[in-house]
Amino acid sequence: MSRLRIFDENQPQSPLAVIDEHAAIAAELARAGVRFEQWAASQPIVPGASQDEVVAAYRGDIDRLMGEEGYQAVDVISLAPDHPDRATLRQKFLSEHTHSEDEVRFFVAGAGQFTLHLGGKVYDILCEQGDLIGVPDGTRHWFDMGESPYFVAIRLFTNKEGWVANFTGDDIASRFPRMAPAV
């Protein structure tokens, strides 16, 4: 189940709010300038589906978002718990960083945790299958895929080559909860 926890940036041990109803999560994130939607596939997707098959299943929503926001490229990324570089890949985005363009991810399968640092608050969003998150460019954030990552995600870009993490040097991410193992 998708979940939003909101913390004071100086109080990582206890959230100010915990929200697990999708419409309420979307409304709260919209107030912070963050897109949060749920998408449904227009056709069944089987395990091992090609990138083209995955994109085709969500083509209507992808085209809508590309038209609204001017995204120019789309791809599919997947990671399984047995990936030999999973620990290195996880570590890569656990520190607070920004991007010069929006970070848009739709979870076709699995889960990931985006944590945003905005206006003195920390928004910890557990995204699961069917969730789309759009983190605006310049937003301080970090991403955790967990110790045993599993996700298939559609990514949208304005300029794929421009999607580079610019690390802030702030250690705030180390003080907040990581993604809990799946039960």
Protein backbone atom coordinates (compact mmCIF):
# COMPACT_ATOMS: atom_id res chain seq x y z
CA MET A 1 0.00 0.00 0.00
CA SER A 2 1.30 3.45 -0.92
CA ARG A 3 2.16 5.63 2.06
CA LEU A 4 3.18 9.20 2.82
CA ARG A 5 4.91 10.11 6.05
CA ILE A 6 5.59 13.77 6.76
CA PHE A 7 8.32 14.70 9.21
CA ASP A 8 9.72 17.93 10.59
CA GLU A 9 13.23 18.04 9.12
CA ASN A 10 14.68 18.04 12.66
CA GLN A 11 12.52 15.19 14.03
CA PRO A 12 13.22 12.00 12.04
CA GLN A 13 12.05 9.70 14.84
CA SER A 14 8.35 10.60 14.70
CA PRO A 15 6.22 11.62 11.73
CA LEU A 16 3.86 14.58 11.97
CA ALA A 17 1.41 12.68 9.75
CA VAL A 18 1.01 9.28 8.12
CA ILE A 19 -1.34 9.05 5.13
CA ASP A 20 -2.12 5.81 3.29
CA GLU A 21 -5.16 6.76 1.19
CA HIS A 22 -4.11 7.54 -2.38
CA ALA A 23 -6.31 10.60 -2.98
CA ALA A 24 -5.18 12.14 0.32
CA ILE A 25 -1.52 11.45 -0.54
CA ALA A 26 -1.99 13.06 -3.96
CA ALA A 27 -3.70 16.12 -2.44
CA GLU A 28 -0.98 16.60 0.19
CA LEU A 29 1.82 16.23 -2.36
CA ALA A 30 0.06 18.56 -4.82
CA ARG A 31 0.19 21.29 -2.14
CA ALA A 32 3.97 20.77 -2.14
CA GLY A 33 4.12 20.92 -5.97
CA VAL A 34 4.62 17.18 -6.46
CA ARG A 35 2.57 15.08 -8.91
CA PHE A 36 1.22 11.77 -7.58
CA GLU A 37 -1.14 9.69 -9.72
CA GLN A 38 -2.33 6.14 -10.18
CA TRP A 39 -2.32 4.55 -13.59
CA ALA A 40 -3.87 1.31 -14.82
CA ALA A 41 -2.59 -0.76 -17.74
CA SER A 42 -4.72 -0.76 -20.87
CA GLN A 43 -3.65 -4.35 -21.56
CA PRO A 44 -2.17 -7.20 -19.52
CA ILE A 45 1.59 -7.20 -18.92
CA VAL A 46 3.31 -10.53 -18.44
CA PRO A 47 6.55 -11.03 -16.49
CA GLY A 48 9.49 -10.49 -18.82
CA ALA A 49 7.52 -8.19 -21.14
CA SER A 50 9.67 -6.07 -23.43
CA GLN A 51 10.10 -2.33 -22.95
CA ASP A 52 7.84 -1.73 -25.96
CA GLU A 53 5.09 -3.93 -24.48
CA VAL A 54 5.27 -2.17 -21.11
CA VAL A 55 5.16 1.29 -22.69
CA ALA A 56 2.27 0.25 -24.95
CA ALA A 57 0.21 -0.80 -21.91
CA TYR A 58 0.45 2.75 -20.50
CA ARG A 59 0.66 4.69 -23.78
CA GLY A 60 -2.45 6.85 -23.09
CA ASP A 61 -1.15 8.15 -19.75
CA ILE A 62 2.40 8.51 -21.08
CA ASP A 63 1.22 10.58 -24.06
CA ARG A 64 -0.98 12.74 -21.81
CA LEU A 65 1.91 13.48 -19.46
CA MET A 66 4.34 14.11 -22.32
CA GLY A 67 1.85 16.58 -23.79
CA GLU A 68 1.23 18.33 -20.47
CA GLU A 69 4.86 18.61 -19.39
CA GLY A 70 6.90 18.46 -22.60
CA TYR A 71 8.78 15.25 -21.81
CA GLN A 72 10.63 13.98 -24.87
CA ALA A 73 11.80 10.47 -23.97
CA VAL A 74 10.50 7.41 -22.18
CA ASP A 75 12.16 4.17 -21.13
CA VAL A 76 11.70 1.24 -18.77
CA ILE A 77 14.11 0.23 -16.02
CA SER A 78 13.92 -2.88 -13.88
CA LEU A 79 15.88 -4.24 -10.97
CA ALA A 80 15.60 -7.63 -9.27
CA PRO A 81 16.81 -8.74 -5.81
CA ASP A 82 19.48 -10.96 -7.34
CA HIS A 83 21.16 -8.14 -9.32
CA PRO A 84 24.91 -8.42 -8.57
CA ASP A 85 25.33 -4.62 -8.23
CA ARG A 86 22.19 -3.99 -6.17
CA ALA A 87 24.06 -2.60 -3.14
CA THR A 88 26.08 -0.19 -5.29
CA LEU A 89 23.00 0.90 -7.22
CA ARG A 90 21.08 1.46 -3.97
CA GLN A 91 23.88 3.52 -2.46
CA LYS A 92 24.06 5.75 -5.54
CA PHE A 93 20.89 7.71 -4.69
CA LEU A 94 20.66 7.42 -0.88
CA SER A 95 22.19 10.88 -0.33
CA GLU A 96 20.23 14.10 -0.81
CA HIS A 97 20.50 15.43 -4.36
CA THR A 98 18.70 17.45 -7.00
CA HIS A 99 18.29 17.20 -10.77
CA SER A 100 18.08 19.91 -13.40
CA GLU A 101 14.90 18.32 -14.73
CA ASP A 102 11.87 16.58 -13.25
CA GLU A 103 12.28 13.03 -11.98
CA VAL A 104 9.20 11.16 -13.17
CA ARG A 105 8.75 7.49 -12.29
CA PHE A 106 5.78 5.18 -12.74
CA PHE A 107 5.94 1.86 -10.88
CA VAL A 108 4.71 -0.90 -13.19
CA ALA A 109 5.66 -3.46 -10.51
CA GLY A 110 7.45 -3.50 -7.17
CA ALA A 111 8.19 -0.49 -4.99
CA GLY A 112 10.60 2.33 -4.16
CA GLN A 113 10.80 5.09 -1.57
CA PHE A 114 11.21 8.73 -2.61
CA THR A 115 11.99 11.14 0.19
CA LEU A 116 11.67 14.87 -0.50
CA HIS A 117 13.11 17.73 1.57
CA LEU A 118 10.84 20.75 1.13
CA GLY A 119 10.26 23.85 3.25
CA GLY A 120 11.50 22.47 6.56
CA LYS A 121 9.64 19.18 6.12
CA VAL A 122 10.57 15.74 4.86
CA TYR A 123 8.01 13.88 2.74
CA ASP A 124 8.67 10.12 2.70
CA ILE A 125 6.63 8.49 -0.09
CA LEU A 126 6.46 4.72 -0.52
CA CYS A 127 5.52 4.23 -4.18
CA GLU A 128 4.12 0.89 -5.24
CA GLN A 129 2.66 -0.75 -8.33
CA GLY A 130 0.37 1.69 -10.13
CA ASP A 131 1.91 4.86 -8.60
CA LEU A 132 3.42 7.69 -10.59
CA ILE A 133 5.50 10.36 -8.86
CA GLY A 134 6.75 13.55 -10.49
CA VAL A 135 9.48 15.25 -8.47
CA PRO A 136 10.00 18.80 -9.81
CA ASP A 137 13.47 19.83 -10.98
CA GLY A 138 15.61 21.36 -8.25
CA THR A 139 13.79 19.48 -5.46
CA ARG A 140 16.09 18.13 -2.75
CA HIS A 141 15.39 14.40 -2.45
CA TRP A 142 16.80 10.89 -2.18
CA PHE A 143 15.63 7.48 -3.34
CA ASP A 144 15.79 4.09 -1.65
CA MET A 145 15.09 0.84 -3.46
CA GLY A 146 15.70 -1.32 -0.37
CA GLU A 147 18.26 -4.03 0.36
CA SER A 148 16.51 -6.50 -1.96
CA PRO A 149 15.23 -4.20 -4.69
CA TYR A 150 12.40 -5.19 -6.96
CA PHE A 151 10.77 -2.79 -9.34
CA VAL A 152 9.89 -2.18 -12.96
CA ALA A 153 9.49 1.54 -13.64
CA ILE A 154 8.70 3.75 -16.59
CA ARG A 155 10.86 6.88 -16.66
CA LEU A 156 10.02 10.08 -18.54
CA PHE A 157 12.63 12.67 -19.44
CA THR A 158 12.93 16.06 -21.06
CA ASN A 159 16.58 15.29 -21.82
CA LYS A 160 17.78 11.85 -20.74
CA GLU A 161 21.43 12.94 -20.94
CA GLY A 162 20.69 15.84 -18.58
CA TRP A 163 19.38 13.62 -15.79
CA VAL A 164 22.36 13.83 -13.46
CA ALA A 165 22.33 13.80 -9.65
CA ASN A 166 23.74 16.99 -8.12
CA PHE A 167 24.52 16.07 -4.50
CA THR A 168 23.84 18.75 -1.87
CA GLY A 169 26.43 17.56 0.67
CA ASP A 170 23.76 17.62 3.41
CA ASP A 171 23.68 14.39 5.49
CA ILE A 172 19.94 14.68 6.23
CA ALA A 173 19.11 11.46 4.34
CA SER A 174 21.18 9.41 6.78
CA ARG A 175 18.95 10.53 9.67
CA PHE A 176 15.62 9.42 8.20
CA PRO A 177 14.07 5.94 7.86
CA ARG A 178 15.10 3.79 4.92
CA MET A 179 12.77 1.59 2.93
CA ALA A 180 11.61 -1.29 5.10
CA PRO A 181 12.06 -4.82 3.75
CA ALA A 182 8.97 -6.33 2.11
CA VAL A 183 7.05 -8.61 4.44
